[in-house]
């Protein structure tokens, strides 16, 4: 039940159940990828403007940022599609998250190679204003583990960020996670990839 409530707070109510609940203001902007590591394939995003949308019961406010950040490693494309910051009024969610504010990061991993790789965005870390927050595997979607060749995984990774004061306060988020490729055909000097990416969130 708590997992469902948190995912609803991050916007899945409208996607899964259709229009529901009360109206709140959603502000939409862009997330410009600025990698901490030098990344060759990084793209900026385009702005998408939206004024009001039905966000669902217990969602006070939400800011959404589209980003087309992506990087390829070992014939696998890693993408961050969207970043959401949500303020909820649900008492159960607030108690679980120890605060009103939640960060959701939508990952997509597509393996176009000829063997399985492993990656763990749902065990990642978000660094905000110098403080790190661990991903909550209990409430995040299944975006981690083996990615079989010719397949794709995608979903929302959730972080509780109780120190935030509003959904518009967050201007930049740094995300770290890892990937492994231990296939016999792989370069032994390049079996592990540590991602370290900063996203600047712009209105």
C-alpha atoms as a PDB file:
ATOM      1  CA  UNK A   1       0.000   0.000   0.000  1.00  0.00           C
ATOM      2  CA  UNK A   2       2.814   2.422   0.858  1.00  0.00           C
ATOM      3  CA  UNK A   3       4.519   1.672  -2.440  1.00  0.00           C
ATOM      4  CA  UNK A   4       1.311   2.400  -4.318  1.00  0.00           C
ATOM      5  CA  UNK A   5       0.779   5.671  -2.447  1.00  0.00           C
ATOM      6  CA  UNK A   6       4.297   6.886  -3.201  1.00  0.00           C
ATOM      7  CA  UNK A   7       4.031   6.046  -6.890  1.00  0.00           C
ATOM      8  CA  UNK A   8       0.676   7.814  -7.031  1.00  0.00           C
ATOM      9  CA  UNK A   9       2.291  10.861  -5.464  1.00  0.00           C
ATOM     10  CA  UNK A  10       4.874  10.867  -8.249  1.00  0.00           C
ATOM     11  CA  UNK A  11       2.187  11.039 -10.908  1.00  0.00           C
ATOM     12  CA  UNK A  12       1.252   7.423 -11.633  1.00  0.00           C
ATOM     13  CA  UNK A  13      -2.367   8.008 -10.579  1.00  0.00           C
ATOM     14  CA  UNK A  14      -3.117   9.740 -13.868  1.00  0.00           C
ATOM     15  CA  UNK A  15      -1.147   7.223 -15.917  1.00  0.00           C
ATOM     16  CA  UNK A  16      -2.529   4.055 -14.358  1.00  0.00           C
ATOM     17  CA  UNK A  17      -5.997   4.946 -13.130  1.00  0.00           C
ATOM     18  CA  UNK A  18      -6.947   7.817 -15.438  1.00  0.00           C
ATOM     19  CA  UNK A  19      -7.989  11.272 -14.276  1.00  0.00           C
ATOM     20  CA  UNK A  20      -8.523  11.368 -10.538  1.00  0.00           C
ATOM     21  CA  UNK A  21      -8.806  13.638  -7.533  1.00  0.00           C
ATOM     22  CA  UNK A  22      -8.355  17.345  -7.098  1.00  0.00           C
ATOM     23  CA  UNK A  23      -6.593  19.882  -9.275  1.00  0.00           C
ATOM     24  CA  UNK A  24      -3.196  21.343  -8.512  1.00  0.00           C
ATOM     25  CA  UNK A  25      -0.720  23.378 -10.480  1.00  0.00           C
ATOM     26  CA  UNK A  26       1.962  21.474 -12.326  1.00  0.00           C
ATOM     27  CA  UNK A  27       4.949  23.390 -13.590  1.00  0.00           C
ATOM     28  CA  UNK A  28       6.923  21.818 -16.358  1.00  0.00           C
ATOM     29  CA  UNK A  29      10.439  22.674 -17.394  1.00  0.00           C
ATOM     30  CA  UNK A  30      13.624  21.207 -18.788  1.00  0.00           C
ATOM     31  CA  UNK A  31      16.461  19.212 -17.334  1.00  0.00           C
ATOM     32  CA  UNK A  32      19.760  19.992 -18.988  1.00  0.00           C
ATOM     33  CA  UNK A  33      22.275  17.230 -18.528  1.00  0.00           C
ATOM     34  CA  UNK A  34      25.662  18.318 -17.254  1.00  0.00           C
ATOM     35  CA  UNK A  35      27.762  15.231 -16.570  1.00  0.00           C
ATOM     36  CA  UNK A  36      30.230  15.248 -13.712  1.00  0.00           C
ATOM     37  CA  UNK A  37      32.295  12.760 -15.663  1.00  0.00           C
ATOM     38  CA  UNK A  38      33.175  13.633 -19.249  1.00  0.00           C
ATOM     39  CA  UNK A  39      30.402  12.090 -21.316  1.00  0.00           C
ATOM     40  CA  UNK A  40      30.548  12.155 -25.088  1.00  0.00           C
ATOM     41  CA  UNK A  41      26.867  11.611 -25.834  1.00  0.00           C
ATOM     42  CA  UNK A  42      24.929  14.120 -23.793  1.00  0.00           C
ATOM     43  CA  UNK A  43      22.030  16.097 -25.223  1.00  0.00           C
ATOM     44  CA  UNK A  44      20.094  19.028 -23.835  1.00  0.00           C
ATOM     45  CA  UNK A  45      16.325  18.842 -23.607  1.00  0.00           C
ATOM     46  CA  UNK A  46      13.547  20.873 -25.162  1.00  0.00           C
ATOM     47  CA  UNK A  47      11.046  22.832 -23.097  1.00  0.00           C
ATOM     48  CA  UNK A  48       7.502  21.557 -22.633  1.00  0.00           C
ATOM     49  CA  UNK A  49       5.024  24.005 -21.127  1.00  0.00           C
ATOM     50  CA  UNK A  50       1.855  22.961 -19.319  1.00  0.00           C
ATOM     51  CA  UNK A  51      -0.315  25.022 -16.984  1.00  0.00           C
ATOM     52  CA  UNK A  52      -2.814  22.862 -15.079  1.00  0.00           C
ATOM     53  CA  UNK A  53      -3.343  19.145 -14.909  1.00  0.00           C
ATOM     54  CA  UNK A  54      -5.228  16.804 -12.655  1.00  0.00           C
ATOM     55  CA  UNK A  55      -2.530  15.401 -10.422  1.00  0.00           C
ATOM     56  CA  UNK A  56      -4.533  13.260  -8.063  1.00  0.00           C
ATOM     57  CA  UNK A  57      -5.635  13.269  -4.480  1.00  0.00           C
ATOM     58  CA  UNK A  58      -3.018  14.184  -1.861  1.00  0.00           C
ATOM     59  CA  UNK A  59      -0.652  15.755  -4.419  1.00  0.00           C
ATOM     60  CA  UNK A  60      -0.212  19.403  -3.429  1.00  0.00           C
ATOM     61  CA  UNK A  61       2.212  20.400  -6.182  1.00  0.00           C
ATOM     62  CA  UNK A  62       4.540  18.821  -8.697  1.00  0.00           C
ATOM     63  CA  UNK A  63       7.336  20.115 -10.925  1.00  0.00           C
ATOM     64  CA  UNK A  64       8.263  17.981 -13.917  1.00  0.00           C
ATOM     65  CA  UNK A  65      11.395  18.313 -16.037  1.00  0.00           C
ATOM     66  CA  UNK A  66      11.865  16.543 -19.352  1.00  0.00           C
ATOM     67  CA  UNK A  67      15.418  15.533 -20.183  1.00  0.00           C
ATOM     68  CA  UNK A  68      16.886  13.581 -23.067  1.00  0.00           C
ATOM     69  CA  UNK A  69      20.182  12.784 -21.340  1.00  0.00           C
ATOM     70  CA  UNK A  70      21.645   9.537 -22.638  1.00  0.00           C
ATOM     71  CA  UNK A  71      24.915   7.680 -22.913  1.00  0.00           C
ATOM     72  CA  UNK A  72      25.904   4.436 -24.601  1.00  0.00           C
ATOM     73  CA  UNK A  73      28.167   1.849 -23.033  1.00  0.00           C
ATOM     74  CA  UNK A  74      28.799  -1.654 -24.397  1.00  0.00           C
ATOM     75  CA  UNK A  75      25.997  -1.355 -26.971  1.00  0.00           C
ATOM     76  CA  UNK A  76      23.549  -0.388 -24.233  1.00  0.00           C
ATOM     77  CA  UNK A  77      21.801   2.976 -24.142  1.00  0.00           C
ATOM     78  CA  UNK A  78      21.201   4.517 -20.714  1.00  0.00           C
ATOM     79  CA  UNK A  79      18.660   7.357 -20.651  1.00  0.00           C
ATOM     80  CA  UNK A  80      17.045   9.662 -18.123  1.00  0.00           C
ATOM     81  CA  UNK A  81      13.672  10.700 -19.512  1.00  0.00           C
ATOM     82  CA  UNK A  82      12.121  12.767 -16.747  1.00  0.00           C
ATOM     83  CA  UNK A  83      12.681  14.189 -13.283  1.00  0.00           C
ATOM     84  CA  UNK A  84       9.732  14.921 -10.956  1.00  0.00           C
ATOM     85  CA  UNK A  85       9.583  16.687  -7.592  1.00  0.00           C
ATOM     86  CA  UNK A  86       6.365  16.158  -5.663  1.00  0.00           C
ATOM     87  CA  UNK A  87       4.855  17.636  -2.515  1.00  0.00           C
ATOM     88  CA  UNK A  88       2.294  15.336  -0.936  1.00  0.00           C
ATOM     89  CA  UNK A  89      -0.224  15.833   1.851  1.00  0.00           C
ATOM     90  CA  UNK A  90      -0.779  12.117   2.444  1.00  0.00           C
ATOM     91  CA  UNK A  91       0.005  11.418   6.104  1.00  0.00           C
ATOM     92  CA  UNK A  92       1.097   7.812   5.462  1.00  0.00           C
ATOM     93  CA  UNK A  93       3.527   8.889   2.754  1.00  0.00           C
ATOM     94  CA  UNK A  94       4.881  11.737   4.902  1.00  0.00           C
ATOM     95  CA  UNK A  95       5.433   9.350   7.791  1.00  0.00           C
ATOM     96  CA  UNK A  96       7.170   6.790   5.581  1.00  0.00           C
ATOM     97  CA  UNK A  97       9.341   9.349   3.758  1.00  0.00           C
ATOM     98  CA  UNK A  98       9.943  11.463   6.885  1.00  0.00           C
ATOM     99  CA  UNK A  99       8.880  14.529   4.927  1.00  0.00           C
ATOM    100  CA  UNK A 100       6.533  15.913   2.298  1.00  0.00           C
ATOM    101  CA  UNK A 101       8.859  15.962  -0.706  1.00  0.00           C
ATOM    102  CA  UNK A 102       9.772  13.157  -3.102  1.00  0.00           C
ATOM    103  CA  UNK A 103      12.093  13.010  -6.085  1.00  0.00           C
ATOM    104  CA  UNK A 104      11.355  10.663  -8.966  1.00  0.00           C
ATOM    105  CA  UNK A 105      13.810   9.917 -11.789  1.00  0.00           C
ATOM    106  CA  UNK A 106      12.592   8.032 -14.848  1.00  0.00           C
ATOM    107  CA  UNK A 107      15.312   5.740 -16.244  1.00  0.00           C
ATOM    108  CA  UNK A 108      15.383   3.720 -19.449  1.00  0.00           C
ATOM    109  CA  UNK A 109      18.046   1.122 -20.279  1.00  0.00           C
ATOM    110  CA  UNK A 110      18.038  -0.553 -23.710  1.00  0.00           C
ATOM    111  CA  UNK A 111      20.479  -3.378 -24.473  1.00  0.00           C
ATOM    112  CA  UNK A 112      21.207  -3.661 -28.204  1.00  0.00           C
ATOM    113  CA  UNK A 113      24.260  -5.869 -27.654  1.00  0.00           C
ATOM    114  CA  UNK A 114      24.680  -9.640 -27.948  1.00  0.00           C
ATOM    115  CA  UNK A 115      24.898 -10.514 -24.249  1.00  0.00           C
ATOM    116  CA  UNK A 116      23.444  -9.591 -20.868  1.00  0.00           C
ATOM    117  CA  UNK A 117      24.676  -6.670 -18.792  1.00  0.00           C
ATOM    118  CA  UNK A 118      23.735  -5.596 -15.258  1.00  0.00           C
ATOM    119  CA  UNK A 119      22.874  -2.145 -13.970  1.00  0.00           C
ATOM    120  CA  UNK A 120      21.467  -0.717 -10.732  1.00  0.00           C
ATOM    121  CA  UNK A 121      19.773   2.702 -10.986  1.00  0.00           C
ATOM    122  CA  UNK A 122      17.383   1.593  -8.228  1.00  0.00           C
ATOM    123  CA  UNK A 123      20.381   1.354  -5.892  1.00  0.00           C
ATOM    124  CA  UNK A 124      21.681   4.755  -6.937  1.00  0.00           C
ATOM    125  CA  UNK A 125      22.352   7.934  -5.011  1.00  0.00           C
ATOM    126  CA  UNK A 126      20.993  11.449  -5.533  1.00  0.00           C
ATOM    127  CA  UNK A 127      23.189  14.312  -4.331  1.00  0.00           C
ATOM    128  CA  UNK A 128      21.280  17.521  -3.599  1.00  0.00           C
ATOM    129  CA  UNK A 129      22.903  20.619  -2.076  1.00  0.00           C
ATOM    130  CA  UNK A 130      25.878  18.542  -0.968  1.00  0.00           C
ATOM    131  CA  UNK A 131      23.791  15.898   0.803  1.00  0.00           C
ATOM    132  CA  UNK A 132      23.269  12.387  -0.520  1.00  0.00           C
ATOM    133  CA  UNK A 133      20.011  10.441  -0.573  1.00  0.00           C
ATOM    134  CA  UNK A 134      19.777   6.723  -1.279  1.00  0.00           C
ATOM    135  CA  UNK A 135      17.183   5.406  -3.706  1.00  0.00           C
ATOM    136  CA  UNK A 136      14.294   3.657  -1.985  1.00  0.00           C
ATOM    137  CA  UNK A 137      14.214   0.190  -3.543  1.00  0.00           C
ATOM    138  CA  UNK A 138      10.980  -0.652  -1.729  1.00  0.00           C
ATOM    139  CA  UNK A 139       8.936   2.003  -3.494  1.00  0.00           C
ATOM    140  CA  UNK A 140      10.937   2.374  -6.722  1.00  0.00           C
ATOM    141  CA  UNK A 141       9.932   0.458  -9.798  1.00  0.00           C
ATOM    142  CA  UNK A 142      12.093  -2.468 -10.889  1.00  0.00           C
ATOM    143  CA  UNK A 143      14.863  -0.657 -12.731  1.00  0.00           C
ATOM    144  CA  UNK A 144      17.865  -2.763 -11.807  1.00  0.00           C
ATOM    145  CA  UNK A 145      19.542  -6.114 -12.288  1.00  0.00           C
ATOM    146  CA  UNK A 146      20.186  -7.996 -15.515  1.00  0.00           C
ATOM    147  CA  UNK A 147      19.220  -6.465 -18.854  1.00  0.00           C
ATOM    148  CA  UNK A 148      19.076  -9.289 -21.387  1.00  0.00           C
ATOM    149  CA  UNK A 149      20.337  -8.500 -24.888  1.00  0.00           C
ATOM    150  CA  UNK A 150      17.554  -7.319 -27.152  1.00  0.00           C
ATOM    151  CA  UNK A 151      15.471  -6.042 -24.222  1.00  0.00           C
ATOM    152  CA  UNK A 152      14.738  -2.839 -22.337  1.00  0.00           C
ATOM    153  CA  UNK A 153      13.901  -1.902 -18.753  1.00  0.00           C
ATOM    154  CA  UNK A 154      12.374   1.392 -17.656  1.00  0.00           C
ATOM    155  CA  UNK A 155      10.687   2.941 -14.655  1.00  0.00           C
ATOM    156  CA  UNK A 156      10.766   5.454 -11.832  1.00  0.00           C
ATOM    157  CA  UNK A 157      13.415   5.488  -9.099  1.00  0.00           C
ATOM    158  CA  UNK A 158      12.204   7.261  -5.959  1.00  0.00           C
ATOM    159  CA  UNK A 159      14.171   9.298  -3.409  1.00  0.00           C
ATOM    160  CA  UNK A 160      12.748  10.872  -0.254  1.00  0.00           C
ATOM    161  CA  UNK A 161      14.135  14.416   0.155  1.00  0.00           C
ATOM    162  CA  UNK A 162      12.637  15.722   3.414  1.00  0.00           C
ATOM    163  CA  UNK A 163      14.867  18.828   3.544  1.00  0.00           C
ATOM    164  CA  UNK A 164      13.220  20.466   0.534  1.00  0.00           C
ATOM    165  CA  UNK A 165      10.903  23.420   1.193  1.00  0.00           C
ATOM    166  CA  UNK A 166       9.069  23.535  -2.158  1.00  0.00           C
ATOM    167  CA  UNK A 167       8.894  21.709  -5.485  1.00  0.00           C
ATOM    168  CA  UNK A 168      10.596  24.685  -7.158  1.00  0.00           C
ATOM    169  CA  UNK A 169      13.571  24.805  -4.797  1.00  0.00           C
ATOM    170  CA  UNK A 170      15.559  22.092  -6.545  1.00  0.00           C
ATOM    171  CA  UNK A 171      17.752  23.534  -9.304  1.00  0.00           C
ATOM    172  CA  UNK A 172      20.252  20.719  -9.794  1.00  0.00           C
ATOM    173  CA  UNK A 173      20.457  17.043  -8.932  1.00  0.00           C
ATOM    174  CA  UNK A 174      23.478  14.794  -9.251  1.00  0.00           C
ATOM    175  CA  UNK A 175      22.834  11.077  -9.805  1.00  0.00           C
ATOM    176  CA  UNK A 176      25.227   8.155  -9.441  1.00  0.00           C
ATOM    177  CA  UNK A 177      24.739   4.461 -10.183  1.00  0.00           C
ATOM    178  CA  UNK A 178      26.701   1.594 -11.721  1.00  0.00           C
ATOM    179  CA  UNK A 179      26.642  -1.018 -14.481  1.00  0.00           C
ATOM    180  CA  UNK A 180      28.626  -4.231 -15.023  1.00  0.00           C
ATOM    181  CA  UNK A 181      29.541  -6.359 -18.026  1.00  0.00           C
ATOM    182  CA  UNK A 182      31.327  -9.568 -17.099  1.00  0.00           C
ATOM    183  CA  UNK A 183      30.758 -11.405 -20.385  1.00  0.00           C
ATOM    184  CA  UNK A 184      33.718 -13.453 -21.613  1.00  0.00           C
ATOM    185  CA  UNK A 185      33.921 -11.317 -24.763  1.00  0.00           C
ATOM    186  CA  UNK A 186      34.165  -8.050 -22.818  1.00  0.00           C
ATOM    187  CA  UNK A 187      37.308  -6.010 -22.325  1.00  0.00           C
ATOM    188  CA  UNK A 188      38.695  -6.986 -18.917  1.00  0.00           C
ATOM    189  CA  UNK A 189      39.755  -3.373 -18.366  1.00  0.00           C
ATOM    190  CA  UNK A 190      36.214  -2.104 -18.961  1.00  0.00           C
ATOM    191  CA  UNK A 191      33.859  -4.391 -17.046  1.00  0.00           C
ATOM    192  CA  UNK A 192      32.383  -1.755 -14.724  1.00  0.00           C
ATOM    193  CA  UNK A 193      30.864   1.635 -15.463  1.00  0.00           C
ATOM    194  CA  UNK A 194      30.220   4.193 -12.714  1.00  0.00           C
ATOM    195  CA  UNK A 195      27.758   6.823 -13.908  1.00  0.00           C
ATOM    196  CA  UNK A 196      27.991  10.287 -12.364  1.00  0.00           C
ATOM    197  CA  UNK A 197      25.650  12.792 -13.982  1.00  0.00           C
ATOM    198  CA  UNK A 198      24.351  16.209 -12.944  1.00  0.00           C
ATOM    199  CA  UNK A 199      21.031  17.523 -14.245  1.00  0.00           C
ATOM    200  CA  UNK A 200      20.343  21.248 -14.142  1.00  0.00           C
ATOM    201  CA  UNK A 201      16.599  21.786 -13.757  1.00  0.00           C
ATOM    202  CA  UNK A 202      15.384  24.897 -15.568  1.00  0.00           C
ATOM    203  CA  UNK A 203      11.955  26.521 -15.736  1.00  0.00           C
END
